[in-house]
Amino acid sequence: MKRIPLSFLASAICAAIALGAGPTMAQDKPASPMDQLDSFVGDGTCTGNVMAMNKHPGHATTGKYHGEKTLDGHWVVIQYDEDQSAANPKPFRVVQYFGYDAAKKRFVSVLIDNSDPGYATSMSPGWKDGSITFDETADGKVSFRDAFTSNKSGMNSHTGWMKDKSGKWVKTDEETCKSS
């Protein structure tokens, strides 16, 4: 019987340990805060209502969204496009980027849309009971708020608010969303 050299056995054992440790070390890696935004990734539809405000009548809405990770996984971008209808002749369109500011330990958002002023930046302390809320700054003051809910199957809902002249938060829109 031919003997197996000790150096070969030592190499084989080291290789087996290294191969076995690889998946274990990957599992031990702490979750990234960006993983908490995975529910925004995917496609779906949202239906709901824009509330009547000022001289603008309320109306029903339907829209589609697409979310994906971008810029090496440092951001999630969502594009949302409402459907045009007789009741909604100027549908809302938005591109919103979500990320995480590790120094401030806060989630951040940059929103660009087809309304006036058409952009906002926002921050959120994070998820609480399946919901994340962003207070949006436009024109140098916090004047809008977006709240999203989700579960394992994806984004469930969106609710928007704006501050009225007295500084009270007033609901502007509310949608229920389903992943496709």
N, C-alpha and C. Protein backbone atom coordinates (compact mmCIF):
# COMPACT_ATOMS: atom_id res chain seq x y z
N MET A 1 0.84 -1.16 0.00
CA MET A 1 0.00 0.00 0.00
C MET A 1 0.89 1.23 0.00
N LYS A 2 0.56 2.20 -0.86
CA LYS A 2 1.35 3.42 -0.98
C LYS A 2 0.90 4.41 0.08
N ARG A 3 1.83 4.99 0.78
CA ARG A 3 1.51 5.96 1.84
C ARG A 3 1.27 7.34 1.24
N ILE A 4 0.32 8.07 1.80
CA ILE A 4 0.03 9.44 1.38
C ILE A 4 0.96 10.36 2.16
N PRO A 5 1.69 11.22 1.47
CA PRO A 5 2.60 12.11 2.17
C PRO A 5 1.86 13.00 3.17
N LEU A 6 2.47 13.25 4.31
CA LEU A 6 1.90 14.06 5.38
C LEU A 6 1.61 15.48 4.89
N SER A 7 2.49 16.01 4.03
CA SER A 7 2.26 17.37 3.53
C SER A 7 0.98 17.45 2.69
N PHE A 8 0.67 16.38 1.94
CA PHE A 8 -0.56 16.36 1.15
C PHE A 8 -1.78 16.35 2.06
N LEU A 9 -1.74 15.54 3.12
CA LEU A 9 -2.85 15.47 4.07
C LEU A 9 -3.05 16.83 4.76
N ALA A 10 -1.95 17.46 5.15
CA ALA A 10 -2.05 18.77 5.81
C ALA A 10 -2.67 19.79 4.85
N SER A 11 -2.26 19.76 3.58
CA SER A 11 -2.82 20.68 2.58
C SER A 11 -4.31 20.43 2.39
N ALA A 12 -4.68 19.15 2.31
CA ALA A 12 -6.09 18.80 2.11
C ALA A 12 -6.94 19.25 3.29
N ILE A 13 -6.43 19.06 4.50
CA ILE A 13 -7.17 19.49 5.69
C ILE A 13 -7.32 21.00 5.72
N CYS A 14 -6.25 21.74 5.43
CA CYS A 14 -6.31 23.21 5.40
C CYS A 14 -7.30 23.70 4.34
N ALA A 15 -7.29 23.05 3.17
CA ALA A 15 -8.21 23.45 2.11
C ALA A 15 -9.66 23.19 2.53
N ALA A 16 -9.90 22.06 3.15
CA ALA A 16 -11.26 21.73 3.60
C ALA A 16 -11.73 22.72 4.65
N ILE A 17 -10.86 23.08 5.57
CA ILE A 17 -11.22 24.05 6.60
C ILE A 17 -11.52 25.40 5.96
N ALA A 18 -10.65 25.82 5.03
CA ALA A 18 -10.85 27.13 4.37
C ALA A 18 -12.14 27.13 3.57
N LEU A 19 -12.43 26.07 2.85
CA LEU A 19 -13.67 26.01 2.08
C LEU A 19 -14.88 25.97 2.98
N GLY A 20 -14.79 25.28 4.09
CA GLY A 20 -15.90 25.22 5.03
C GLY A 20 -16.10 26.51 5.77
N ALA A 21 -15.03 27.27 6.02
CA ALA A 21 -15.14 28.51 6.77
C ALA A 21 -15.67 29.64 5.91
N GLY A 22 -15.50 29.57 4.60
CA GLY A 22 -15.96 30.66 3.73
C GLY A 22 -17.43 30.98 3.91
N PRO A 23 -18.33 30.01 3.73
CA PRO A 23 -19.75 30.31 3.91
C PRO A 23 -20.08 30.72 5.34
N THR A 24 -19.39 30.14 6.33
CA THR A 24 -19.66 30.50 7.71
C THR A 24 -19.28 31.94 7.97
N MET A 25 -18.13 32.38 7.45
CA MET A 25 -17.72 33.76 7.66
C MET A 25 -18.68 34.70 6.95
N ALA A 26 -19.18 34.33 5.79
CA ALA A 26 -20.12 35.18 5.07
C ALA A 26 -21.42 35.32 5.85
N GLN A 27 -21.86 34.25 6.52
CA GLN A 27 -23.08 34.30 7.31
C GLN A 27 -22.90 35.16 8.55
N ASP A 28 -21.67 35.24 9.07
CA ASP A 28 -21.40 36.01 10.28
C ASP A 28 -21.28 37.50 10.00
N LYS A 29 -21.22 37.90 8.74
CA LYS A 29 -21.10 39.30 8.37
C LYS A 29 -22.35 40.04 8.83
N PRO A 30 -22.21 41.16 9.54
CA PRO A 30 -23.39 41.87 10.01
C PRO A 30 -24.21 42.42 8.85
N ALA A 31 -25.51 42.47 9.04
CA ALA A 31 -26.40 42.99 8.01
C ALA A 31 -26.14 44.47 7.80
N SER A 32 -26.21 44.89 6.57
CA SER A 32 -26.05 46.30 6.22
C SER A 32 -27.38 47.01 6.44
N PRO A 33 -27.36 48.26 6.89
CA PRO A 33 -28.62 49.01 6.98
C PRO A 33 -29.35 49.07 5.63
N MET A 34 -28.59 49.01 4.53
CA MET A 34 -29.21 49.03 3.21
C MET A 34 -30.11 47.81 2.99
N ASP A 35 -29.81 46.69 3.68
CA ASP A 35 -30.65 45.50 3.56
C ASP A 35 -32.08 45.79 4.02
N GLN A 36 -32.24 46.78 4.91
CA GLN A 36 -33.56 47.14 5.41
C GLN A 36 -34.43 47.80 4.33
N LEU A 37 -33.82 48.20 3.22
CA LEU A 37 -34.56 48.83 2.13
C LEU A 37 -34.91 47.85 1.02
N ASP A 38 -34.62 46.57 1.23
CA ASP A 38 -34.89 45.56 0.20
C ASP A 38 -36.37 45.48 -0.20
N SER A 39 -37.27 45.87 0.70
CA SER A 39 -38.70 45.80 0.35
C SER A 39 -39.07 46.81 -0.74
N PHE A 40 -38.20 47.79 -1.00
CA PHE A 40 -38.44 48.76 -2.06
C PHE A 40 -37.99 48.24 -3.43
N VAL A 41 -37.28 47.12 -3.44
CA VAL A 41 -36.75 46.56 -4.69
C VAL A 41 -37.82 45.67 -5.31
N GLY A 42 -38.11 45.92 -6.58
CA GLY A 42 -39.08 45.11 -7.29
C GLY A 42 -40.07 45.99 -8.03
N ASP A 43 -41.10 45.36 -8.53
CA ASP A 43 -42.12 46.05 -9.31
C ASP A 43 -43.48 45.85 -8.66
N GLY A 44 -44.37 46.80 -8.88
CA GLY A 44 -45.71 46.67 -8.35
C GLY A 44 -46.62 47.78 -8.81
N THR A 45 -47.84 47.73 -8.31
CA THR A 45 -48.84 48.75 -8.61
C THR A 45 -49.38 49.31 -7.30
N CYS A 46 -49.80 50.56 -7.36
CA CYS A 46 -50.39 51.22 -6.20
C CYS A 46 -51.70 51.85 -6.62
N THR A 47 -52.70 51.74 -5.78
CA THR A 47 -53.99 52.39 -6.01
C THR A 47 -54.35 53.16 -4.76
N GLY A 48 -55.00 54.31 -4.95
CA GLY A 48 -55.37 55.10 -3.79
C GLY A 48 -56.06 56.37 -4.18
N ASN A 49 -55.84 57.40 -3.37
CA ASN A 49 -56.51 58.67 -3.56
C ASN A 49 -55.60 59.83 -3.23
N VAL A 50 -55.75 60.90 -4.01
CA VAL A 50 -55.17 62.19 -3.67
C VAL A 50 -56.31 62.97 -3.03
N MET A 51 -56.05 63.55 -1.87
CA MET A 51 -57.09 64.26 -1.13
C MET A 51 -57.37 65.62 -1.77
N ALA A 52 -58.60 66.09 -1.64
CA ALA A 52 -58.96 67.43 -2.11
C ALA A 52 -58.24 68.46 -1.23
N MET A 53 -57.59 69.42 -1.88
CA MET A 53 -56.87 70.46 -1.14
C MET A 53 -56.98 71.77 -1.90
N ASN A 54 -57.12 72.85 -1.14
CA ASN A 54 -57.22 74.18 -1.73
C ASN A 54 -58.24 74.17 -2.85
N LYS A 55 -57.84 74.50 -4.05
CA LYS A 55 -58.77 74.53 -5.18
C LYS A 55 -58.67 73.27 -6.03
N HIS A 56 -57.90 72.29 -5.58
CA HIS A 56 -57.71 71.06 -6.34
C HIS A 56 -58.64 69.98 -5.82
N PRO A 57 -59.47 69.41 -6.70
CA PRO A 57 -60.36 68.33 -6.24
C PRO A 57 -59.56 67.04 -6.01
N GLY A 58 -60.04 66.22 -5.12
CA GLY A 58 -59.41 64.92 -4.91
C GLY A 58 -59.74 63.99 -6.07
N HIS A 59 -58.98 62.94 -6.20
CA HIS A 59 -59.24 61.96 -7.26
C HIS A 59 -58.56 60.64 -6.93
N ALA A 60 -59.07 59.60 -7.55
CA ALA A 60 -58.47 58.27 -7.41
C ALA A 60 -57.19 58.21 -8.23
N THR A 61 -56.26 57.39 -7.78
CA THR A 61 -55.00 57.22 -8.52
C THR A 61 -54.68 55.74 -8.67
N THR A 62 -53.96 55.46 -9.73
CA THR A 62 -53.37 54.15 -9.97
C THR A 62 -52.00 54.42 -10.57
N GLY A 63 -51.01 53.68 -10.14
CA GLY A 63 -49.68 53.87 -10.69
C GLY A 63 -48.83 52.63 -10.57
N LYS A 64 -47.70 52.67 -11.24
CA LYS A 64 -46.76 51.55 -11.22
C LYS A 64 -45.43 52.03 -10.65
N TYR A 65 -44.75 51.13 -9.93
CA TYR A 65 -43.43 51.46 -9.44
C TYR A 65 -42.42 50.38 -9.82
N HIS A 66 -41.19 50.83 -9.91
CA HIS A 66 -40.06 49.92 -10.13
C HIS A 66 -38.95 50.37 -9.20
N GLY A 67 -38.43 49.47 -8.40
CA GLY A 67 -37.32 49.77 -7.50
C GLY A 67 -36.17 48.82 -7.71
N GLU A 68 -34.95 49.38 -7.64
CA GLU A 68 -33.76 48.54 -7.80
C GLU A 68 -32.59 49.14 -7.03
N LYS A 69 -31.65 48.27 -6.67
CA LYS A 69 -30.42 48.75 -6.05
C LYS A 69 -29.54 49.32 -7.15
N THR A 70 -28.83 50.41 -6.84
CA THR A 70 -27.99 51.06 -7.83
C THR A 70 -26.73 51.59 -7.16
N LEU A 71 -25.80 52.03 -7.96
CA LEU A 71 -24.54 52.62 -7.50
C LEU A 71 -23.84 51.71 -6.48
N ASP A 72 -23.56 50.50 -6.93
CA ASP A 72 -22.86 49.47 -6.16
C ASP A 72 -23.59 49.10 -4.87
N GLY A 73 -24.92 49.19 -4.88
CA GLY A 73 -25.72 48.81 -3.72
C GLY A 73 -25.81 49.86 -2.64
N HIS A 74 -25.27 51.06 -2.89
CA HIS A 74 -25.31 52.12 -1.88
C HIS A 74 -26.64 52.87 -1.88
N TRP A 75 -27.45 52.68 -2.92
CA TRP A 75 -28.74 53.37 -3.03
C TRP A 75 -29.77 52.40 -3.57
N VAL A 76 -31.03 52.65 -3.21
CA VAL A 76 -32.17 52.02 -3.86
C VAL A 76 -32.90 53.15 -4.55
N VAL A 77 -33.22 52.98 -5.82
CA VAL A 77 -33.95 53.99 -6.57
C VAL A 77 -35.32 53.42 -6.94
N ILE A 78 -36.35 54.24 -6.70
CA ILE A 78 -37.72 53.87 -7.07
C ILE A 78 -38.23 54.89 -8.07
N GLN A 79 -38.81 54.41 -9.13
CA GLN A 79 -39.51 55.28 -10.07
C GLN A 79 -40.98 54.93 -9.97
N TYR A 80 -41.81 55.96 -9.75
CA TYR A 80 -43.25 55.78 -9.63
C TYR A 80 -43.93 56.67 -10.65
N ASP A 81 -44.84 56.08 -11.42
CA ASP A 81 -45.57 56.81 -12.46
C ASP A 81 -47.06 56.54 -12.33
N GLU A 82 -47.83 57.60 -12.03
CA GLU A 82 -49.28 57.45 -12.00
C GLU A 82 -49.82 57.34 -13.41
N ASP A 83 -50.95 56.67 -13.52
CA ASP A 83 -51.65 56.57 -14.80
C ASP A 83 -52.43 57.86 -15.05
N GLN A 84 -52.46 58.27 -16.30
CA GLN A 84 -53.25 59.44 -16.68
C GLN A 84 -54.71 59.02 -16.86
N SER A 85 -55.62 59.88 -16.41
CA SER A 85 -57.05 59.62 -16.58
C SER A 85 -57.77 60.96 -16.69
N ALA A 86 -59.07 60.90 -16.95
CA ALA A 86 -59.85 62.15 -17.02
C ALA A 86 -59.81 62.88 -15.68
N ALA A 87 -59.86 62.13 -14.58
CA ALA A 87 -59.81 62.73 -13.25
C ALA A 87 -58.39 63.13 -12.85
N ASN A 88 -57.41 62.57 -13.54
CA ASN A 88 -56.00 62.82 -13.22
C ASN A 88 -55.25 63.17 -14.52
N PRO A 89 -55.51 64.37 -15.07
CA PRO A 89 -54.90 64.72 -16.36
C PRO A 89 -53.39 64.98 -16.28
N LYS A 90 -52.87 65.34 -15.10
CA LYS A 90 -51.43 65.56 -14.93
C LYS A 90 -50.92 64.57 -13.87
N PRO A 91 -50.65 63.33 -14.28
CA PRO A 91 -50.24 62.31 -13.30
C PRO A 91 -48.90 62.64 -12.66
N PHE A 92 -48.80 62.23 -11.40
CA PHE A 92 -47.59 62.44 -10.61
C PHE A 92 -46.53 61.45 -11.04
N ARG A 93 -45.31 61.93 -11.20
CA ARG A 93 -44.16 61.09 -11.55
C ARG A 93 -43.02 61.46 -10.60
N VAL A 94 -42.35 60.44 -10.09
CA VAL A 94 -41.28 60.69 -9.12
C VAL A 94 -40.17 59.66 -9.28
N VAL A 95 -38.95 60.11 -9.06
CA VAL A 95 -37.79 59.24 -8.91
C VAL A 95 -37.25 59.55 -7.53
N GLN A 96 -37.13 58.52 -6.70
CA GLN A 96 -36.70 58.73 -5.32
C GLN A 96 -35.56 57.76 -4.99
N TYR A 97 -34.48 58.32 -4.47
CA TYR A 97 -33.32 57.55 -4.06
C TYR A 97 -33.32 57.41 -2.55
N PHE A 98 -33.10 56.19 -2.06
CA PHE A 98 -33.00 55.93 -0.63
C PHE A 98 -31.62 55.38 -0.33
N GLY A 99 -31.00 55.88 0.72
CA GLY A 99 -29.68 55.41 1.12
C GLY A 99 -29.54 55.47 2.63
N TYR A 100 -28.30 55.28 3.10
CA TYR A 100 -28.03 55.30 4.54
C TYR A 100 -26.79 56.13 4.80
N ASP A 101 -26.90 57.09 5.70
CA ASP A 101 -25.78 57.92 6.12
C ASP A 101 -25.21 57.31 7.40
N ALA A 102 -24.10 56.59 7.26
CA ALA A 102 -23.51 55.88 8.40
C ALA A 102 -23.03 56.84 9.49
N ALA A 103 -22.53 58.01 9.11
CA ALA A 103 -22.03 58.98 10.10
C ALA A 103 -23.17 59.49 10.98
N LYS A 104 -24.32 59.75 10.38
CA LYS A 104 -25.47 60.27 11.13
C LYS A 104 -26.41 59.17 11.61
N LYS A 105 -26.13 57.93 11.17
CA LYS A 105 -26.96 56.77 11.51
C LYS A 105 -28.43 57.04 11.20
N ARG A 106 -28.66 57.51 9.98
CA ARG A 106 -30.00 57.83 9.50
C ARG A 106 -30.16 57.40 8.05
N PHE A 107 -31.37 57.03 7.70
CA PHE A 107 -31.69 56.79 6.31
C PHE A 107 -31.91 58.15 5.64
N VAL A 108 -31.57 58.24 4.38
CA VAL A 108 -31.71 59.49 3.65
C VAL A 108 -32.47 59.23 2.35
N SER A 109 -33.06 60.31 1.83
CA SER A 109 -33.79 60.21 0.58
C SER A 109 -33.58 61.49 -0.22
N VAL A 110 -33.47 61.32 -1.52
CA VAL A 110 -33.45 62.45 -2.45
C VAL A 110 -34.59 62.18 -3.42
N LEU A 111 -35.51 63.12 -3.52
CA LEU A 111 -36.71 62.95 -4.32
C LEU A 111 -36.74 64.00 -5.42
N ILE A 112 -37.05 63.56 -6.63
CA ILE A 112 -37.18 64.46 -7.78
C ILE A 112 -38.51 64.11 -8.44
N ASP A 113 -39.38 65.12 -8.63
CA ASP A 113 -40.68 64.83 -9.22
C ASP A 113 -41.11 65.92 -10.19
N ASN A 114 -42.31 65.76 -10.74
CA ASN A 114 -42.81 66.68 -11.75
C ASN A 114 -43.74 67.75 -11.16
N SER A 115 -43.61 68.02 -9.86
CA SER A 115 -44.43 69.06 -9.24
C SER A 115 -43.55 70.26 -8.88
N ASP A 116 -44.13 71.21 -8.19
CA ASP A 116 -43.38 72.39 -7.77
C ASP A 116 -43.16 72.33 -6.27
N PRO A 117 -41.99 72.31 -5.68
CA PRO A 117 -40.73 72.72 -6.29
C PRO A 117 -40.02 71.64 -7.08
N GLY A 118 -40.45 70.40 -6.99
CA GLY A 118 -39.89 69.36 -7.84
C GLY A 118 -38.73 68.58 -7.25
N TYR A 119 -38.33 68.89 -6.03
CA TYR A 119 -37.25 68.12 -5.39
C TYR A 119 -37.37 68.27 -3.88
N ALA A 120 -36.78 67.33 -3.18
CA ALA A 120 -36.71 67.40 -1.71
C ALA A 120 -35.63 66.44 -1.25
N THR A 121 -35.06 66.74 -0.11
CA THR A 121 -34.16 65.82 0.57
C THR A 121 -34.81 65.48 1.91
N SER A 122 -34.51 64.32 2.43
CA SER A 122 -35.14 63.95 3.70
C SER A 122 -34.28 62.95 4.46
N MET A 123 -34.63 62.81 5.74
CA MET A 123 -33.96 61.87 6.62
C MET A 123 -35.01 61.10 7.42
N SER A 124 -34.60 59.93 7.89
CA SER A 124 -35.47 59.11 8.72
C SER A 124 -34.61 58.36 9.73
N PRO A 125 -35.08 58.24 10.97
CA PRO A 125 -34.32 57.44 11.95
C PRO A 125 -34.39 55.95 11.65
N GLY A 126 -35.35 55.51 10.82
CA GLY A 126 -35.41 54.10 10.45
C GLY A 126 -36.79 53.51 10.61
N TRP A 127 -36.83 52.19 10.53
CA TRP A 127 -38.08 51.45 10.56
C TRP A 127 -38.60 51.31 11.98
N LYS A 128 -39.90 51.41 12.13
CA LYS A 128 -40.55 51.15 13.41
C LYS A 128 -41.88 50.49 13.11
N ASP A 129 -42.08 49.29 13.60
CA ASP A 129 -43.32 48.54 13.40
C ASP A 129 -43.70 48.42 11.92
N GLY A 130 -42.71 48.11 11.07
CA GLY A 130 -42.98 47.90 9.65
C GLY A 130 -43.20 49.16 8.85
N SER A 131 -42.85 50.32 9.42
CA SER A 131 -43.07 51.60 8.74
C SER A 131 -41.80 52.45 8.82
N ILE A 132 -41.54 53.20 7.76
CA ILE A 132 -40.44 54.16 7.77
C ILE A 132 -40.98 55.50 7.28
N THR A 133 -40.64 56.57 7.98
CA THR A 133 -41.15 57.90 7.67
C THR A 133 -40.00 58.84 7.38
N PHE A 134 -40.13 59.59 6.29
CA PHE A 134 -39.14 60.57 5.88
C PHE A 134 -39.76 61.96 5.97
N ASP A 135 -39.12 62.87 6.72
CA ASP A 135 -39.53 64.27 6.74
C ASP A 135 -38.71 64.99 5.68
N GLU A 136 -39.40 65.60 4.72
CA GLU A 136 -38.75 66.16 3.53
C GLU A 136 -38.57 67.67 3.64
N THR A 137 -37.38 68.09 3.27
CA THR A 137 -37.03 69.50 3.25
C THR A 137 -37.02 69.97 1.80
N ALA A 138 -37.83 70.99 1.54
CA ALA A 138 -37.83 71.64 0.23
C ALA A 138 -37.87 73.14 0.51
N ASP A 139 -37.15 73.89 -0.24
CA ASP A 139 -37.08 75.34 -0.02
C ASP A 139 -36.58 75.69 1.38
N GLY A 140 -35.73 74.83 1.96
CA GLY A 140 -35.10 75.12 3.24
C GLY A 140 -35.92 74.82 4.48
N LYS A 141 -37.10 74.26 4.32
CA LYS A 141 -37.92 73.94 5.50
C LYS A 141 -38.58 72.58 5.33
N VAL A 142 -38.83 71.91 6.46
CA VAL A 142 -39.52 70.62 6.42
C VAL A 142 -40.99 70.91 6.14
N SER A 143 -41.45 70.47 4.99
CA SER A 143 -42.83 70.79 4.64
C SER A 143 -43.62 69.58 4.13
N PHE A 144 -42.95 68.46 3.91
CA PHE A 144 -43.63 67.26 3.45
C PHE A 144 -43.18 66.07 4.27
N ARG A 145 -44.01 65.04 4.27
CA ARG A 145 -43.68 63.80 5.00
C ARG A 145 -44.19 62.63 4.17
N ASP A 146 -43.35 61.62 4.00
CA ASP A 146 -43.72 60.38 3.32
C ASP A 146 -43.53 59.22 4.27
N ALA A 147 -44.54 58.36 4.38
CA ALA A 147 -44.43 57.15 5.20
C ALA A 147 -44.71 55.95 4.30
N PHE A 148 -43.89 54.93 4.46
CA PHE A 148 -44.03 53.69 3.69
C PHE A 148 -44.16 52.54 4.67
N THR A 149 -44.98 51.56 4.33
CA THR A 149 -45.05 50.33 5.10
C THR A 149 -44.66 49.18 4.18
N SER A 150 -44.15 48.11 4.79
CA SER A 150 -43.76 46.95 4.00
C SER A 150 -43.83 45.70 4.85
N ASN A 151 -43.77 44.57 4.16
CA ASN A 151 -43.62 43.28 4.81
C ASN A 151 -42.69 42.44 3.95
N LYS A 152 -42.60 41.16 4.21
CA LYS A 152 -41.66 40.31 3.47
C LYS A 152 -41.94 40.26 1.97
N SER A 153 -43.19 40.50 1.57
CA SER A 153 -43.51 40.42 0.15
C SER A 153 -43.28 41.74 -0.58
N GLY A 154 -42.93 42.79 0.12
CA GLY A 154 -42.61 44.06 -0.53
C GLY A 154 -43.33 45.25 0.07
N MET A 155 -43.35 46.33 -0.68
CA MET A 155 -43.96 47.58 -0.22
C MET A 155 -45.48 47.41 -0.16
N ASN A 156 -46.09 47.84 0.96
CA ASN A 156 -47.54 47.71 1.16
C ASN A 156 -48.29 49.01 0.90
N SER A 157 -47.71 50.13 1.37
CA SER A 157 -48.45 51.37 1.26
C SER A 157 -47.54 52.58 1.31
N HIS A 158 -48.11 53.70 0.89
CA HIS A 158 -47.46 55.00 0.98
C HIS A 158 -48.52 55.99 1.44
N THR A 159 -48.16 56.88 2.34
CA THR A 159 -49.02 57.98 2.76
C THR A 159 -48.19 59.24 2.77
N GLY A 160 -48.74 60.31 2.20
CA GLY A 160 -48.05 61.59 2.16
C GLY A 160 -48.80 62.64 2.96
N TRP A 161 -48.06 63.59 3.53
CA TRP A 161 -48.62 64.71 4.26
C TRP A 161 -47.88 65.97 3.87
N MET A 162 -48.50 67.10 4.09
CA MET A 162 -47.81 68.38 3.98
C MET A 162 -48.28 69.27 5.12
N LYS A 163 -47.46 70.25 5.46
CA LYS A 163 -47.85 71.17 6.51
C LYS A 163 -48.75 72.25 5.93
N ASP A 164 -49.84 72.54 6.64
CA ASP A 164 -50.70 73.63 6.20
C ASP A 164 -50.15 74.95 6.74
N LYS A 165 -50.85 76.04 6.51
CA LYS A 165 -50.37 77.37 6.91
C LYS A 165 -50.15 77.50 8.42
N SER A 166 -50.90 76.71 9.20
CA SER A 166 -50.75 76.78 10.66
C SER A 166 -49.67 75.82 11.18
N GLY A 167 -49.06 75.04 10.27
CA GLY A 167 -48.02 74.10 10.67
C GLY A 167 -48.53 72.72 11.02
N LYS A 168 -49.82 72.48 10.81
CA LYS A 168 -50.42 71.17 11.09
C LYS A 168 -50.21 70.25 9.89
N TRP A 169 -49.90 68.97 10.16
CA TRP A 169 -49.74 67.97 9.10
C TRP A 169 -51.10 67.58 8.55
N VAL A 170 -51.27 67.67 7.23
CA VAL A 170 -52.51 67.33 6.54
C VAL A 170 -52.20 66.25 5.51
N LYS A 171 -53.01 65.19 5.53
CA LYS A 171 -52.80 64.08 4.58
C LYS A 171 -53.06 64.56 3.16
N THR A 172 -52.13 64.25 2.24
CA THR A 172 -52.27 64.65 0.84
C THR A 172 -52.65 63.49 -0.06
N ASP A 173 -52.15 62.31 0.26
CA ASP A 173 -52.42 61.15 -0.59
C ASP A 173 -52.18 59.88 0.20
N GLU A 174 -52.80 58.80 -0.30
CA GLU A 174 -52.67 57.51 0.37
C GLU A 174 -52.86 56.42 -0.67
N GLU A 175 -51.89 55.51 -0.76
CA GLU A 175 -51.94 54.42 -1.72
C GLU A 175 -51.65 53.08 -1.05
N THR A 176 -52.31 52.05 -1.53
CA THR A 176 -52.01 50.68 -1.16
C THR A 176 -51.28 50.05 -2.32
N CYS A 177 -50.18 49.36 -2.04
CA CYS A 177 -49.33 48.83 -3.10
C CYS A 177 -49.24 47.30 -3.01
N LYS A 178 -49.10 46.69 -4.18
CA LYS A 178 -48.93 45.24 -4.28
C LYS A 178 -47.78 44.95 -5.22
N SER A 179 -46.91 44.05 -4.79
CA SER A 179 -45.80 43.62 -5.64
C SER A 179 -46.33 42.76 -6.77
N SER A 180 -45.67 42.85 -7.93
CA SER A 180 -46.11 42.00 -9.04
C SER A 180 -45.13 40.88 -9.30
